[in-house]
Amino acid sequence: MRALFYSHDVFGLGHIRRTLALAGELGRRLPGAAMLALTGSFETHAWELPDNFDYVKLPAWNRNALYGGLPPHASRHDPFRDVTYLREGLIQETADAFSPHLLIVDNAPAGLNRELVRALACLRAASPPVHLVFIMADIYDSASATRRSWQRDGADWLLEEVYDDILVFGMREVYDIVAEYGLPPATAEKVTYCGYYRRTERLTPPEEVRAALGVGDAPLLVLAPGGGADAQALVSAFLGALREPALAGIGAHAFAVTGPLINPHERTRVEAAAQGIPNLTVRSFEEDLLSYLNAADVVVGMCGYNTTVETLSLGKRLVAIPRQRPEEQMERATRFAERGLLTMLHPSDLTPSALAQAILQRLIDPPPPAVLDFDGLRNAGDVLVPTP
């Protein structure tokens, strides 16, 4: 079995992490499978890779200016078009050389700027045809924005006519993409709601994490804003909240991960702002973040898929300040808050004082109810590798 993965890489870390998680599940079921990913992410190497897994680094979209004016397309003077042609060629050549039995595409059915369309056509025409699978998180964007995007890119046609399966790492009861996005019957019948997925690696025991931080019996607050590229306001508010008398007075310890994608200038500013705050540890990246979430009393984050689902899968209390655009995080935070799974603080209401009060309230709230299905990886594996 040869499996080729395509991982969306424009923003954040969630897409490559989803790809790695599913590759790990596939590798456990098919130990001899050869797995190769196509991604422009700079952070793939930061994670432990599954066995028999490798990746081809595509030119990154946020480095598009490097490719402007490359021949034979110099007359276009459009670096986005140039990097698209370069990436599209690498994708096609890799697919031809690797000759996969299975293609798994994350988040963008047509690829970024439709860079996957040619490869999809070739793989569909192969004999025997390649099994084409589209995977996505529970929510893509608001219903109207998703419909516009998929119509513009021709993704709606690809989902209906080209892909064999659509795996949603969410629950229909929480967000029904068929109804919300108006999917036609031919597309809807391909959809499997797999449930939310959580990582399954061994955790460092909470007492060891807390001892290493010198926490003792004090409350431990963990800030986990994802990649950190747009988390400056949240990080700043969190540091300010730790200085608020009401929160500072309870003797809490804090572990703040700013994210590896934070602007270097902003990282320097955060490090300066953190000076003088007692019982605070600041890191830009933590590979074993899951163990710190597991040791926390309250987690503060945005409402990206991974941090949110991992926190809730551990039964931890969460204060979420979702990103406003695109609307994926706002939709998720709203639906989860309605179910008592988290406390949502709207970005327009984010102040150090408001965040401190939300944290203090969450510390005395009961743990989140156990209403989510976290068997997403196992259920996705059942679709990809059916039991004989």
Protein backbone atom coordinates (compact mmCIF):
# COMPACT_ATOMS: atom_id res chain seq x y z
CA MET A 1 0.00 0.00 0.00
CA ARG A 2 1.33 3.42 -0.98
CA ALA A 3 -0.53 6.40 0.52
CA LEU A 4 0.04 9.96 -0.63
CA PHE A 5 -1.11 12.84 1.58
CA TYR A 6 -1.68 16.47 0.62
CA SER A 7 -1.62 18.85 3.58
CA HIS A 8 -2.98 22.38 3.38
CA ASP A 9 -0.27 24.73 4.64
CA VAL A 10 -1.31 28.37 4.37
CA PHE A 11 -1.80 29.13 8.06
CA GLY A 12 -1.18 27.50 11.40
CA LEU A 13 -0.19 23.97 12.42
CA GLY A 14 -3.51 22.14 12.54
CA HIS A 15 -3.46 20.74 9.02
CA ILE A 16 -0.09 19.03 9.15
CA ARG A 17 -0.92 17.68 12.61
CA ARG A 18 -4.14 16.15 11.27
CA THR A 19 -2.19 14.59 8.41
CA LEU A 20 0.39 13.11 10.79
CA ALA A 21 -2.31 11.78 13.12
CA LEU A 22 -4.14 9.99 10.30
CA ALA A 23 -0.86 8.68 8.87
CA GLY A 24 -0.07 7.23 12.28
CA GLU A 25 -3.42 5.45 12.38
CA LEU A 26 -2.95 4.11 8.86
CA GLY A 27 0.55 2.91 9.73
CA ARG A 28 -0.73 1.04 12.78
CA ARG A 29 -3.26 -0.80 10.65
CA LEU A 30 -0.91 -1.41 7.71
CA PRO A 31 2.62 -1.63 9.11
CA GLY A 32 4.09 -2.16 5.64
CA ALA A 33 2.42 0.91 4.11
CA ALA A 34 4.67 3.50 2.47
CA MET A 35 3.40 7.01 3.24
CA LEU A 36 4.47 10.28 1.65
CA ALA A 37 3.08 13.77 2.28
CA LEU A 38 3.12 16.91 0.16
CA THR A 39 3.22 20.06 2.28
CA GLY A 40 4.66 23.55 2.36
CA SER A 41 4.71 23.62 6.16
CA PHE A 42 7.99 24.65 7.75
CA GLU A 43 7.05 22.84 10.96
CA THR A 44 6.65 19.24 9.79
CA HIS A 45 10.04 18.29 11.21
CA ALA A 46 9.00 19.54 14.68
CA TRP A 47 6.71 16.58 15.24
CA GLU A 48 7.53 12.92 15.69
CA LEU A 49 6.85 11.31 12.32
CA PRO A 50 5.10 7.95 11.95
CA ASP A 51 7.07 4.93 10.80
CA ASN A 52 7.44 4.55 7.03
CA PHE A 53 6.46 8.21 6.58
CA ASP A 54 8.31 10.93 4.69
CA TYR A 55 7.37 14.25 3.14
CA VAL A 56 8.14 16.40 0.13
CA LYS A 57 8.55 20.05 1.07
CA LEU A 58 6.66 22.25 -1.37
CA PRO A 59 7.57 25.92 -1.80
CA ALA A 60 5.67 27.75 0.93
CA TRP A 61 2.88 30.15 0.07
CA ASN A 62 4.16 32.75 2.51
CA ARG A 63 7.43 32.79 0.57
CA ASN A 64 5.70 33.49 -2.74
CA ALA A 65 7.80 36.61 -3.45
CA LEU A 66 10.85 34.38 -3.89
CA TYR A 67 9.32 32.86 -7.00
CA GLY A 68 8.10 36.01 -8.74
CA GLY A 69 9.27 36.39 -12.33
CA LEU A 70 10.59 32.85 -12.72
CA PRO A 71 10.81 31.84 -16.38
CA PRO A 72 8.96 30.77 -18.41
CA HIS A 73 6.22 32.79 -16.71
CA ALA A 74 8.13 36.02 -16.03
CA SER A 75 5.75 38.04 -18.18
CA ARG A 76 2.92 37.49 -15.72
CA HIS A 77 4.67 39.37 -12.88
CA ASP A 78 2.46 37.47 -10.45
CA PRO A 79 4.36 35.63 -7.71
CA PHE A 80 1.23 33.79 -6.58
CA ARG A 81 0.77 32.34 -10.06
CA ASP A 82 4.46 31.50 -10.27
CA VAL A 83 4.55 29.61 -6.99
CA THR A 84 1.34 27.82 -8.01
CA TYR A 85 2.94 26.54 -11.22
CA LEU A 86 6.02 25.45 -9.31
CA ARG A 87 4.02 23.63 -6.63
CA GLU A 88 1.63 22.11 -9.18
CA GLY A 89 4.53 20.64 -11.13
CA LEU A 90 6.11 19.14 -8.02
CA ILE A 91 2.78 17.66 -6.97
CA GLN A 92 2.23 16.08 -10.39
CA GLU A 93 5.77 14.69 -10.62
CA THR A 94 5.57 13.24 -7.10
CA ALA A 95 2.21 11.60 -7.79
CA ASP A 96 3.52 10.11 -11.04
CA ALA A 97 6.71 8.77 -9.44
CA PHE A 98 5.14 7.50 -6.20
CA SER A 99 2.12 5.96 -7.94
CA PRO A 100 -0.10 5.82 -4.84
CA HIS A 101 -2.98 3.48 -4.19
CA LEU A 102 -4.56 6.05 -1.87
CA LEU A 103 -4.60 9.87 -1.92
CA ILE A 104 -5.74 11.75 1.19
CA VAL A 105 -6.35 15.48 0.71
CA ASP A 106 -6.74 17.77 3.71
CA ASN A 107 -9.00 20.84 3.87
CA ALA A 108 -8.76 22.10 0.26
CA PRO A 109 -10.51 19.76 -2.22
CA ALA A 110 -8.92 21.42 -5.26
CA GLY A 111 -5.67 22.28 -3.50
CA LEU A 112 -4.47 25.81 -2.96
CA ASN A 113 -5.26 27.89 -6.01
CA ARG A 114 -6.49 24.68 -7.72
CA GLU A 115 -2.97 23.22 -7.75
CA LEU A 116 -4.29 19.66 -7.22
CA VAL A 117 -6.78 19.52 -10.07
CA ARG A 118 -4.40 18.11 -12.70
CA ALA A 119 -3.04 15.45 -10.34
CA LEU A 120 -6.56 14.46 -9.28
CA ALA A 121 -7.57 13.95 -12.89
CA CYS A 122 -4.54 11.76 -13.59
CA LEU A 123 -5.02 9.67 -10.47
CA ARG A 124 -8.72 9.22 -11.21
CA ALA A 125 -7.86 8.04 -14.74
CA ALA A 126 -5.22 5.57 -13.52
CA SER A 127 -5.86 1.85 -13.87
CA PRO A 128 -6.88 0.74 -11.39
CA PRO A 129 -8.11 4.15 -10.20
CA VAL A 130 -6.62 5.56 -7.02
CA HIS A 131 -8.86 5.76 -3.94
CA LEU A 132 -9.37 9.52 -3.46
CA VAL A 133 -10.29 10.72 0.03
CA PHE A 134 -11.00 14.25 1.25
CA ILE A 135 -10.61 14.94 4.99
CA MET A 136 -11.63 18.01 6.94
CA ALA A 137 -12.17 19.30 10.44
CA ASP A 138 -15.64 19.60 11.90
CA ILE A 139 -16.12 23.10 10.43
CA TYR A 140 -14.56 24.70 7.35
CA ASP A 141 -15.94 28.24 7.59
CA SER A 142 -19.33 29.88 7.80
CA ALA A 143 -21.93 28.29 5.54
CA SER A 144 -22.03 31.20 3.10
CA ALA A 145 -18.26 31.57 2.89
CA THR A 146 -17.76 27.84 2.36
CA ARG A 147 -20.31 27.68 -0.42
CA ARG A 148 -18.70 30.64 -2.20
CA SER A 149 -15.22 29.20 -1.81
CA TRP A 150 -16.10 25.71 -3.00
CA GLN A 151 -18.05 27.05 -5.97
CA ARG A 152 -15.22 29.42 -6.94
CA ASP A 153 -12.57 26.68 -6.84
CA GLY A 154 -14.71 23.99 -8.41
CA ALA A 155 -14.41 22.03 -5.17
CA ASP A 156 -18.15 21.30 -5.11
CA TRP A 157 -17.83 19.46 -8.44
CA LEU A 158 -14.73 17.56 -7.29
CA LEU A 159 -16.46 16.42 -4.11
CA GLU A 160 -19.50 15.25 -6.08
CA GLU A 161 -17.80 13.66 -9.08
CA VAL A 162 -14.16 12.84 -8.27
CA TYR A 163 -13.63 11.98 -4.60
CA ASP A 164 -14.66 8.59 -3.31
CA ASP A 165 -14.99 9.43 0.40
CA ILE A 166 -15.33 12.55 2.56
CA LEU A 167 -14.22 12.10 6.16
CA VAL A 168 -15.30 14.75 8.66
CA PHE A 169 -13.50 14.82 12.00
CA GLY A 170 -16.56 15.99 13.87
CA MET A 171 -20.09 15.04 14.84
CA ARG A 172 -23.24 15.63 12.86
CA GLU A 173 -25.05 16.54 16.09
CA VAL A 174 -22.64 19.44 16.62
CA TYR A 175 -22.24 20.69 13.05
CA ASP A 176 -23.99 19.08 10.08
CA ILE A 177 -21.92 20.01 7.02
CA VAL A 178 -24.43 18.39 4.67
CA ALA A 179 -27.18 20.72 5.84
CA GLU A 180 -25.02 23.78 6.57
CA TYR A 181 -23.17 23.71 3.25
CA GLY A 182 -26.11 22.49 1.17
CA LEU A 183 -24.34 19.41 -0.21
CA PRO A 184 -26.20 17.58 -2.98
CA PRO A 185 -27.28 13.96 -2.42
CA ALA A 186 -24.41 12.50 -4.47
CA THR A 187 -21.90 14.30 -2.27
CA ALA A 188 -23.79 13.74 0.97
CA GLU A 189 -23.74 9.97 0.58
CA LYS A 190 -19.92 10.04 0.59
CA VAL A 191 -19.74 11.83 3.95
CA THR A 192 -18.73 9.95 7.09
CA TYR A 193 -18.79 11.80 10.41
CA CYS A 194 -15.86 10.12 12.14
CA GLY A 195 -16.05 11.96 15.45
CA TYR A 196 -13.34 14.18 16.87
CA TYR A 197 -9.83 12.81 16.99
CA ARG A 198 -7.31 12.99 19.78
CA ARG A 199 -3.67 12.06 19.87
CA THR A 200 -2.87 8.80 21.57
CA GLU A 201 0.82 9.06 22.51
CA ARG A 202 2.01 8.37 26.03
CA LEU A 203 1.64 11.33 28.38
CA THR A 204 4.09 12.48 31.01
CA PRO A 205 2.27 11.97 34.34
CA PRO A 206 0.66 15.21 35.59
CA GLU A 207 2.53 15.06 38.88
CA GLU A 208 5.85 15.02 37.00
CA VAL A 209 4.85 18.01 34.87
CA ARG A 210 3.69 19.97 37.88
CA ALA A 211 6.79 19.06 39.88
CA ALA A 212 9.06 20.22 37.04
CA LEU A 213 7.27 23.58 37.07
CA GLY A 214 7.30 23.78 40.86
CA VAL A 215 3.52 24.02 40.96
CA GLY A 216 2.69 21.87 43.96
CA ASP A 217 -1.00 22.13 44.80
CA ALA A 218 -1.45 25.58 43.26
CA PRO A 219 -3.69 26.05 40.20
CA LEU A 220 -1.85 25.58 36.88
CA LEU A 221 -2.93 27.74 33.95
CA VAL A 222 -1.74 26.77 30.47
CA LEU A 223 -1.82 29.18 27.53
CA ALA A 224 -1.96 27.31 24.20
CA PRO A 225 -2.73 29.65 21.27
CA GLY A 226 -1.82 27.20 18.50
CA GLY A 227 0.80 28.26 15.99
CA GLY A 228 0.79 31.77 17.39
CA ALA A 229 0.87 33.69 14.12
CA ASP A 230 -2.16 35.78 15.07
CA ALA A 231 -2.21 35.27 18.84
CA GLN A 232 -0.48 38.48 19.91
CA ALA A 233 -3.60 39.99 21.48
CA LEU A 234 -4.36 36.80 23.40
CA VAL A 235 -0.79 36.38 24.69
CA SER A 236 -0.69 40.02 25.77
CA ALA A 237 -4.06 39.75 27.53
CA PHE A 238 -2.98 36.54 29.28
CA LEU A 239 0.17 38.17 30.66
CA GLY A 240 -1.93 41.12 31.77
CA ALA A 241 -4.46 38.82 33.41
CA LEU A 242 -1.71 37.23 35.50
CA ARG A 243 -1.03 40.70 36.93
CA GLU A 244 -4.68 41.31 37.80
CA PRO A 245 -4.98 41.36 41.63
CA ALA A 246 -7.86 38.88 41.74
CA LEU A 247 -5.97 36.26 39.74
CA ALA A 248 -2.51 37.05 41.10
CA GLY A 249 -3.86 36.62 44.62
CA ILE A 250 -4.62 32.90 44.27
CA GLY A 251 -0.96 31.98 43.73
CA ALA A 252 -1.51 30.29 40.37
CA HIS A 253 1.36 29.09 38.21
CA ALA A 254 1.28 29.65 34.46
CA PHE A 255 2.85 27.85 31.50
CA ALA A 256 2.57 29.94 28.32
CA VAL A 257 3.40 28.62 24.85
CA THR A 258 3.45 31.53 22.42
CA GLY A 259 3.64 29.31 19.32
CA PRO A 260 6.48 28.77 16.85
CA LEU A 261 4.87 31.01 14.21
CA ILE A 262 4.80 34.14 16.36
CA ASN A 263 6.53 37.16 14.83
CA PRO A 264 10.12 37.42 16.17
CA HIS A 265 9.59 41.05 17.17
CA GLU A 266 6.43 40.07 19.02
CA ARG A 267 8.27 37.21 20.73
CA THR A 268 10.84 39.67 22.04
CA ARG A 269 8.08 41.95 23.29
CA VAL A 270 6.35 39.04 25.04
CA GLU A 271 9.56 37.97 26.75
CA ALA A 272 10.04 41.52 28.03
CA ALA A 273 6.42 41.75 29.22
CA ALA A 274 6.79 38.45 31.07
CA GLN A 275 9.60 39.76 33.21
CA GLY A 276 8.56 40.21 36.82
CA ILE A 277 5.50 37.94 36.66
CA PRO A 278 6.02 35.28 39.33
CA ASN A 279 5.53 31.56 38.68
CA LEU A 280 5.42 32.01 34.90
CA THR A 281 7.19 29.84 32.32
CA VAL A 282 7.22 31.03 28.69
CA ARG A 283 8.20 28.89 25.70
CA SER A 284 7.74 29.38 21.98
CA PHE A 285 7.13 25.67 21.34
CA GLU A 286 6.53 22.53 23.38
CA GLU A 287 6.43 19.17 21.61
CA ASP A 288 4.90 17.50 24.67
CA LEU A 289 2.18 20.14 25.02
CA LEU A 290 -0.46 17.46 25.49
CA SER A 291 1.12 16.49 28.83
CA TYR A 292 0.97 20.11 29.99
CA LEU A 293 -2.70 20.33 28.98
CA ASN A 294 -3.30 17.16 30.95
CA ALA A 295 -1.67 18.70 34.04
CA ALA A 296 -3.58 22.00 33.79
CA ASP A 297 -6.46 23.21 35.89
CA VAL A 298 -7.54 25.68 33.20
CA VAL A 299 -6.40 25.98 29.59
CA VAL A 300 -6.62 29.29 27.73
CA GLY A 301 -6.54 29.23 23.94
CA MET A 302 -8.19 30.32 20.75
CA CYS A 303 -10.60 27.74 19.35
CA GLY A 304 -8.53 25.94 16.77
CA TYR A 305 -9.38 22.30 16.30
CA ASN A 306 -6.38 20.60 17.88
CA THR A 307 -5.99 22.56 21.12
CA THR A 308 -9.75 22.63 21.70
CA VAL A 309 -10.38 18.95 21.08
CA GLU A 310 -7.26 17.80 22.93
CA THR A 311 -8.18 19.91 25.96
CA LEU A 312 -11.74 18.59 26.06
CA SER A 313 -10.67 15.00 25.43
CA LEU A 314 -8.62 15.25 28.62
CA GLY A 315 -11.65 16.53 30.55
CA LYS A 316 -10.04 19.94 31.14
CA ARG A 317 -11.69 23.31 31.59
CA LEU A 318 -11.16 25.67 28.67
CA VAL A 319 -11.46 29.43 28.16
CA ALA A 320 -11.58 30.09 24.41
CA ILE A 321 -11.05 33.39 22.60
CA PRO A 322 -11.78 32.42 18.98
CA ARG A 323 -10.39 33.98 15.83
CA GLN A 324 -13.06 36.03 14.05
CA ARG A 325 -11.99 35.44 10.43
CA PRO A 326 -12.38 32.95 8.93
CA GLU A 327 -15.40 32.01 11.00
CA GLU A 328 -14.48 28.39 11.73
CA GLN A 329 -13.33 29.13 15.29
CA MET A 330 -16.29 31.38 16.09
CA GLU A 331 -18.69 28.66 14.90
CA ARG A 332 -16.90 26.00 16.94
CA ALA A 333 -16.66 28.12 20.08
CA THR A 334 -20.34 29.06 19.89
CA ARG A 335 -21.53 25.48 19.40
CA PHE A 336 -19.28 24.13 22.14
CA ALA A 337 -20.21 26.91 24.57
CA GLU A 338 -23.90 26.12 24.01
CA ARG A 339 -23.15 22.59 25.20
CA GLY A 340 -21.29 23.74 28.30
CA LEU A 341 -17.96 22.48 26.95
CA LEU A 342 -16.05 25.74 27.32
CA THR A 343 -16.25 29.38 28.31
CA MET A 344 -16.21 31.65 25.27
CA LEU A 345 -14.84 35.17 25.50
CA HIS A 346 -15.48 37.21 22.35
CA PRO A 347 -12.32 38.82 20.92
CA SER A 348 -13.94 42.26 21.13
CA ASP A 349 -14.37 41.71 24.89
CA LEU A 350 -10.81 40.52 25.48
CA THR A 351 -9.10 42.52 28.22
CA PRO A 352 -6.76 41.36 30.99
CA SER A 353 -9.52 41.92 33.54
CA ALA A 354 -12.17 40.04 31.56
CA LEU A 355 -9.79 37.15 30.92
CA ALA A 356 -8.81 36.97 34.60
CA GLN A 357 -12.47 36.79 35.61
CA ALA A 358 -13.19 34.09 33.02
CA ILE A 359 -10.26 32.01 34.31
CA LEU A 360 -11.34 32.42 37.93
CA GLN A 361 -14.89 31.35 37.08
CA ARG A 362 -13.67 28.38 35.06
CA LEU A 363 -11.55 27.24 38.01
CA ILE A 364 -14.70 26.69 40.07
CA ASP A 365 -16.90 25.40 37.24
CA PRO A 366 -17.41 21.63 36.91
CA PRO A 367 -15.37 19.81 34.25
CA PRO A 368 -16.88 19.74 30.76
CA PRO A 369 -19.57 17.12 30.16
CA ALA A 370 -18.56 13.96 28.29
CA VAL A 371 -20.73 14.47 25.21
CA LEU A 372 -18.22 14.29 22.35
CA ASP A 373 -17.07 11.23 20.42
CA PHE A 374 -13.25 11.20 20.37
CA ASP A 375 -12.80 8.05 18.27
CA GLY A 376 -12.25 9.95 15.03
CA LEU A 377 -8.97 8.29 14.08
CA ARG A 378 -10.27 4.77 14.68
CA ASN A 379 -13.47 5.47 12.73
CA ALA A 380 -11.51 7.05 9.86
CA GLY A 381 -9.22 4.03 9.84
CA ASP A 382 -12.25 1.77 9.50
CA VAL A 383 -13.18 3.60 6.29
CA LEU A 384 -9.67 3.61 4.85
CA VAL A 385 -8.85 0.02 5.84
CA PRO A 386 -12.14 -1.87 6.14
CA THR A 387 -12.15 -4.97 8.30
CA PRO A 388 -12.29 -8.07 6.06
